[in-house]
Amino acid sequence: MTYDKTQFRPAYRQKRLHPAFGLAAVAATALTLGLAVIVPTQLAPAAQQAHVDPKHLVLAPTEVAILPAKIEVVAAREKAAQGKSPYLPAAYRPRG
């Protein structure tokens, strides 16, 4: 039995296209960065800085209200979910 050695030959590529594709990639990157970051900052109105008087600076805690104050659970667990799972560690003890 004989084996023929096949030599890998990459496809022929024109060397003149490499710089063109590199230049196109740089142009696409600059265009994307310009449209995504720079143009929106130029279009946004100039935000005025809030004036803070250090003499009247209050460092008291701020009260926060979370509404609604309770969370209502509307789903019920099925019996299949309450059984033993092969994915739980051996030392796991369910409550209840």
N, C-alpha and C. Protein backbone atom coordinates (compact mmCIF):
# COMPACT_ATOMS: atom_id res chain seq x y z
N MET A 1 0.85 -1.16 0.00
CA MET A 1 0.00 0.00 0.00
C MET A 1 0.90 1.24 0.00
N THR A 2 0.56 2.20 -0.84
CA THR A 2 1.36 3.41 -0.93
C THR A 2 0.53 4.62 -0.52
N TYR A 3 1.19 5.56 0.06
CA TYR A 3 0.54 6.78 0.48
C TYR A 3 1.17 7.95 -0.30
N ASP A 4 0.32 8.78 -0.81
CA ASP A 4 0.81 9.97 -1.49
C ASP A 4 0.78 11.15 -0.53
N LYS A 5 1.83 11.88 -0.50
CA LYS A 5 1.90 13.05 0.38
C LYS A 5 1.37 14.25 -0.39
N THR A 6 0.27 14.82 0.12
CA THR A 6 -0.31 15.99 -0.50
C THR A 6 0.18 17.22 0.23
N GLN A 7 0.73 18.13 -0.53
CA GLN A 7 1.26 19.34 0.09
C GLN A 7 0.17 20.42 0.09
N PHE A 8 -0.01 21.04 1.25
CA PHE A 8 -1.02 22.09 1.38
C PHE A 8 -0.54 23.35 0.70
N ARG A 9 -1.37 23.88 -0.17
CA ARG A 9 -1.05 25.13 -0.86
C ARG A 9 -2.19 26.10 -0.62
N PRO A 10 -1.92 27.20 0.06
CA PRO A 10 -2.99 28.17 0.29
C PRO A 10 -3.43 28.80 -1.03
N ALA A 11 -4.64 29.29 -1.00
CA ALA A 11 -5.19 29.92 -2.20
C ALA A 11 -4.37 31.15 -2.57
N TYR A 12 -4.31 31.44 -3.84
CA TYR A 12 -3.55 32.59 -4.32
C TYR A 12 -4.26 33.87 -3.91
N ARG A 13 -3.51 34.76 -3.29
CA ARG A 13 -4.08 36.03 -2.87
C ARG A 13 -3.26 37.15 -3.49
N GLN A 14 -3.95 38.14 -3.94
CA GLN A 14 -3.23 39.27 -4.51
C GLN A 14 -2.69 40.15 -3.38
N LYS A 15 -1.41 40.42 -3.45
CA LYS A 15 -0.78 41.18 -2.38
C LYS A 15 -1.16 42.65 -2.41
N ARG A 16 -1.71 43.11 -3.51
CA ARG A 16 -2.12 44.51 -3.59
C ARG A 16 -3.39 44.78 -2.79
N LEU A 17 -4.17 43.73 -2.49
CA LEU A 17 -5.43 43.93 -1.76
C LEU A 17 -5.23 44.05 -0.25
N HIS A 18 -4.14 43.57 0.28
CA HIS A 18 -3.92 43.62 1.72
C HIS A 18 -3.91 45.04 2.27
N PRO A 19 -3.17 45.97 1.70
CA PRO A 19 -3.23 47.35 2.21
C PRO A 19 -4.60 47.98 2.03
N ALA A 20 -5.29 47.63 0.95
CA ALA A 20 -6.62 48.20 0.73
C ALA A 20 -7.59 47.73 1.80
N PHE A 21 -7.54 46.46 2.15
CA PHE A 21 -8.42 45.95 3.20
C PHE A 21 -8.04 46.52 4.56
N GLY A 22 -6.77 46.71 4.82
CA GLY A 22 -6.34 47.34 6.07
C GLY A 22 -6.82 48.77 6.18
N LEU A 23 -6.72 49.51 5.08
CA LEU A 23 -7.20 50.89 5.07
C LEU A 23 -8.72 50.95 5.23
N ALA A 24 -9.42 50.01 4.61
CA ALA A 24 -10.88 49.96 4.76
C ALA A 24 -11.26 49.62 6.20
N ALA A 25 -10.52 48.74 6.86
CA ALA A 25 -10.80 48.39 8.25
C ALA A 25 -10.58 49.59 9.18
N VAL A 26 -9.53 50.35 8.95
CA VAL A 26 -9.27 51.54 9.77
C VAL A 26 -10.36 52.58 9.55
N ALA A 27 -10.78 52.76 8.28
CA ALA A 27 -11.84 53.73 7.99
C ALA A 27 -13.16 53.31 8.62
N ALA A 28 -13.49 52.01 8.57
CA ALA A 28 -14.73 51.53 9.19
C ALA A 28 -14.69 51.70 10.70
N THR A 29 -13.54 51.47 11.31
CA THR A 29 -13.40 51.65 12.75
C THR A 29 -13.59 53.12 13.13
N ALA A 30 -12.97 54.02 12.39
CA ALA A 30 -13.10 55.45 12.68
C ALA A 30 -14.53 55.92 12.48
N LEU A 31 -15.19 55.43 11.45
CA LEU A 31 -16.58 55.80 11.21
C LEU A 31 -17.50 55.29 12.32
N THR A 32 -17.29 54.04 12.74
CA THR A 32 -18.10 53.47 13.82
C THR A 32 -17.89 54.24 15.12
N LEU A 33 -16.64 54.52 15.46
CA LEU A 33 -16.35 55.27 16.68
C LEU A 33 -16.95 56.67 16.61
N GLY A 34 -16.85 57.30 15.47
CA GLY A 34 -17.40 58.63 15.31
C GLY A 34 -18.91 58.66 15.45
N LEU A 35 -19.58 57.69 14.83
CA LEU A 35 -21.04 57.67 14.90
C LEU A 35 -21.56 57.24 16.26
N ALA A 36 -20.84 56.36 16.94
CA ALA A 36 -21.34 55.82 18.20
C ALA A 36 -20.97 56.67 19.42
N VAL A 37 -19.85 57.37 19.37
CA VAL A 37 -19.37 58.06 20.56
C VAL A 37 -19.30 59.57 20.37
N ILE A 38 -18.64 60.00 19.33
CA ILE A 38 -18.33 61.43 19.19
C ILE A 38 -19.53 62.25 18.75
N VAL A 39 -20.29 61.77 17.77
CA VAL A 39 -21.43 62.54 17.26
C VAL A 39 -22.50 62.75 18.33
N PRO A 40 -22.89 61.73 19.12
CA PRO A 40 -23.90 61.99 20.16
C PRO A 40 -23.46 63.02 21.20
N THR A 41 -22.18 63.07 21.51
CA THR A 41 -21.74 64.08 22.48
C THR A 41 -21.79 65.47 21.88
N GLN A 42 -21.60 65.59 20.59
CA GLN A 42 -21.70 66.89 19.93
C GLN A 42 -23.15 67.34 19.80
N LEU A 43 -24.08 66.39 19.66
CA LEU A 43 -25.49 66.73 19.49
C LEU A 43 -26.18 67.07 20.81
N ALA A 44 -25.67 66.53 21.92
CA ALA A 44 -26.30 66.75 23.22
C ALA A 44 -26.09 68.20 23.65
N PRO A 45 -27.12 68.81 24.25
CA PRO A 45 -26.93 70.17 24.74
C PRO A 45 -25.92 70.19 25.88
N ALA A 46 -25.23 71.29 26.00
CA ALA A 46 -24.23 71.41 27.06
C ALA A 46 -24.91 71.39 28.42
N ALA A 47 -24.53 70.46 29.22
CA ALA A 47 -25.13 70.33 30.56
C ALA A 47 -24.48 71.35 31.49
N GLN A 48 -25.30 72.04 32.25
CA GLN A 48 -24.79 73.01 33.19
C GLN A 48 -24.43 72.30 34.49
N GLN A 49 -23.32 72.68 35.03
CA GLN A 49 -22.88 72.08 36.28
C GLN A 49 -23.73 72.60 37.43
N ALA A 50 -24.12 71.71 38.32
CA ALA A 50 -24.89 72.11 39.49
C ALA A 50 -23.98 72.85 40.47
N HIS A 51 -24.49 73.93 41.01
CA HIS A 51 -23.72 74.72 41.96
C HIS A 51 -23.83 74.10 43.35
N VAL A 52 -22.69 73.81 43.93
CA VAL A 52 -22.64 73.24 45.27
C VAL A 52 -21.89 74.21 46.17
N ASP A 53 -22.58 74.65 47.21
CA ASP A 53 -21.96 75.57 48.16
C ASP A 53 -21.39 74.74 49.31
N PRO A 54 -20.07 74.70 49.47
CA PRO A 54 -19.50 73.86 50.52
C PRO A 54 -19.86 74.31 51.93
N LYS A 55 -20.30 75.57 52.10
CA LYS A 55 -20.68 76.02 53.44
C LYS A 55 -22.00 75.40 53.88
N HIS A 56 -22.86 75.11 52.93
CA HIS A 56 -24.18 74.58 53.26
C HIS A 56 -24.33 73.11 52.85
N LEU A 57 -23.23 72.40 52.77
CA LEU A 57 -23.24 71.01 52.36
C LEU A 57 -23.77 70.14 53.50
N VAL A 58 -24.82 69.36 53.23
CA VAL A 58 -25.43 68.50 54.24
C VAL A 58 -25.04 67.07 53.94
N LEU A 59 -24.44 66.41 54.93
CA LEU A 59 -24.00 65.04 54.76
C LEU A 59 -24.87 64.07 55.55
N ALA A 60 -26.16 64.33 55.60
CA ALA A 60 -27.09 63.47 56.34
C ALA A 60 -27.54 62.33 55.43
N PRO A 61 -27.92 61.20 56.01
CA PRO A 61 -28.42 60.10 55.19
C PRO A 61 -29.73 60.48 54.50
N THR A 62 -29.94 59.92 53.36
CA THR A 62 -31.14 60.20 52.58
C THR A 62 -32.12 59.05 52.74
N GLU A 63 -33.36 59.38 53.02
CA GLU A 63 -34.39 58.36 53.17
C GLU A 63 -34.88 57.93 51.79
N VAL A 64 -35.01 56.62 51.63
CA VAL A 64 -35.43 56.07 50.36
C VAL A 64 -36.65 55.19 50.59
N ALA A 65 -37.67 55.34 49.76
CA ALA A 65 -38.86 54.49 49.86
C ALA A 65 -38.89 53.55 48.66
N ILE A 66 -39.01 52.26 48.94
CA ILE A 66 -39.10 51.26 47.88
C ILE A 66 -40.56 50.87 47.74
N LEU A 67 -41.12 51.17 46.59
CA LEU A 67 -42.53 50.89 46.35
C LEU A 67 -42.66 49.86 45.24
N PRO A 68 -43.41 48.84 45.35
CA PRO A 68 -44.21 48.41 46.50
C PRO A 68 -43.31 47.86 47.61
N ALA A 69 -43.79 47.96 48.82
CA ALA A 69 -42.99 47.57 49.97
C ALA A 69 -42.98 46.07 50.19
N LYS A 70 -43.76 45.31 49.44
CA LYS A 70 -43.75 43.85 49.60
C LYS A 70 -43.67 43.21 48.23
N ILE A 71 -43.21 41.98 48.20
CA ILE A 71 -43.11 41.22 46.96
C ILE A 71 -44.08 40.05 47.05
N GLU A 72 -44.95 39.95 46.09
CA GLU A 72 -45.95 38.88 46.09
C GLU A 72 -45.51 37.80 45.12
N VAL A 73 -45.42 36.55 45.62
CA VAL A 73 -45.04 35.41 44.78
C VAL A 73 -46.32 34.77 44.29
N VAL A 74 -46.47 34.62 42.97
CA VAL A 74 -47.71 34.10 42.41
C VAL A 74 -47.56 32.71 41.83
N ALA A 75 -46.38 32.14 41.85
CA ALA A 75 -46.17 30.80 41.30
C ALA A 75 -46.08 29.78 42.43
N ALA A 76 -46.52 28.59 42.18
CA ALA A 76 -46.43 27.51 43.15
C ALA A 76 -45.42 26.48 42.67
N ARG A 77 -44.66 25.91 43.57
CA ARG A 77 -43.69 24.89 43.20
C ARG A 77 -44.40 23.59 42.90
N GLU A 78 -43.92 22.91 41.91
CA GLU A 78 -44.48 21.60 41.59
C GLU A 78 -43.78 20.55 42.43
N LYS A 79 -44.44 19.40 42.58
CA LYS A 79 -43.86 18.33 43.39
C LYS A 79 -42.55 17.82 42.80
N ALA A 80 -42.43 17.84 41.47
CA ALA A 80 -41.20 17.35 40.85
C ALA A 80 -40.01 18.22 41.24
N ALA A 81 -40.23 19.48 41.45
CA ALA A 81 -39.15 20.38 41.83
C ALA A 81 -38.76 20.22 43.29
N GLN A 82 -39.64 19.64 44.09
CA GLN A 82 -39.37 19.48 45.51
C GLN A 82 -38.62 18.19 45.81
N GLY A 83 -38.55 17.27 44.84
CA GLY A 83 -37.88 15.99 45.06
C GLY A 83 -36.38 16.13 45.08
N LYS A 84 -35.68 14.99 45.25
CA LYS A 84 -34.22 15.00 45.27
C LYS A 84 -33.71 15.24 43.86
N SER A 85 -32.70 16.04 43.77
CA SER A 85 -32.10 16.36 42.49
C SER A 85 -30.70 15.75 42.43
N PRO A 86 -30.32 15.19 41.30
CA PRO A 86 -28.95 14.65 41.20
C PRO A 86 -27.90 15.74 41.15
N TYR A 87 -28.31 16.99 41.01
CA TYR A 87 -27.37 18.09 40.89
C TYR A 87 -27.11 18.79 42.21
N LEU A 88 -27.76 18.39 43.29
CA LEU A 88 -27.53 19.01 44.58
C LEU A 88 -26.39 18.31 45.30
N PRO A 89 -25.63 19.01 46.12
CA PRO A 89 -24.56 18.36 46.87
C PRO A 89 -25.13 17.39 47.91
N ALA A 90 -24.31 16.43 48.30
CA ALA A 90 -24.76 15.39 49.24
C ALA A 90 -25.11 15.97 50.60
N ALA A 91 -24.47 17.05 51.01
CA ALA A 91 -24.71 17.65 52.32
C ALA A 91 -25.91 18.61 52.32
N TYR A 92 -26.60 18.74 51.20
CA TYR A 92 -27.73 19.67 51.11
C TYR A 92 -28.94 19.14 51.87
N ARG A 93 -29.50 19.92 52.77
CA ARG A 93 -30.70 19.55 53.52
C ARG A 93 -31.76 20.60 53.25
N PRO A 94 -32.84 20.26 52.54
CA PRO A 94 -33.89 21.27 52.30
C PRO A 94 -34.61 21.62 53.60
N ARG A 95 -35.03 22.87 53.72
CA ARG A 95 -35.76 23.32 54.90
C ARG A 95 -37.21 22.89 54.82
N GLY A 96 -37.81 22.64 55.95
CA GLY A 96 -39.25 22.41 56.02
C GLY A 96 -39.69 21.03 56.00
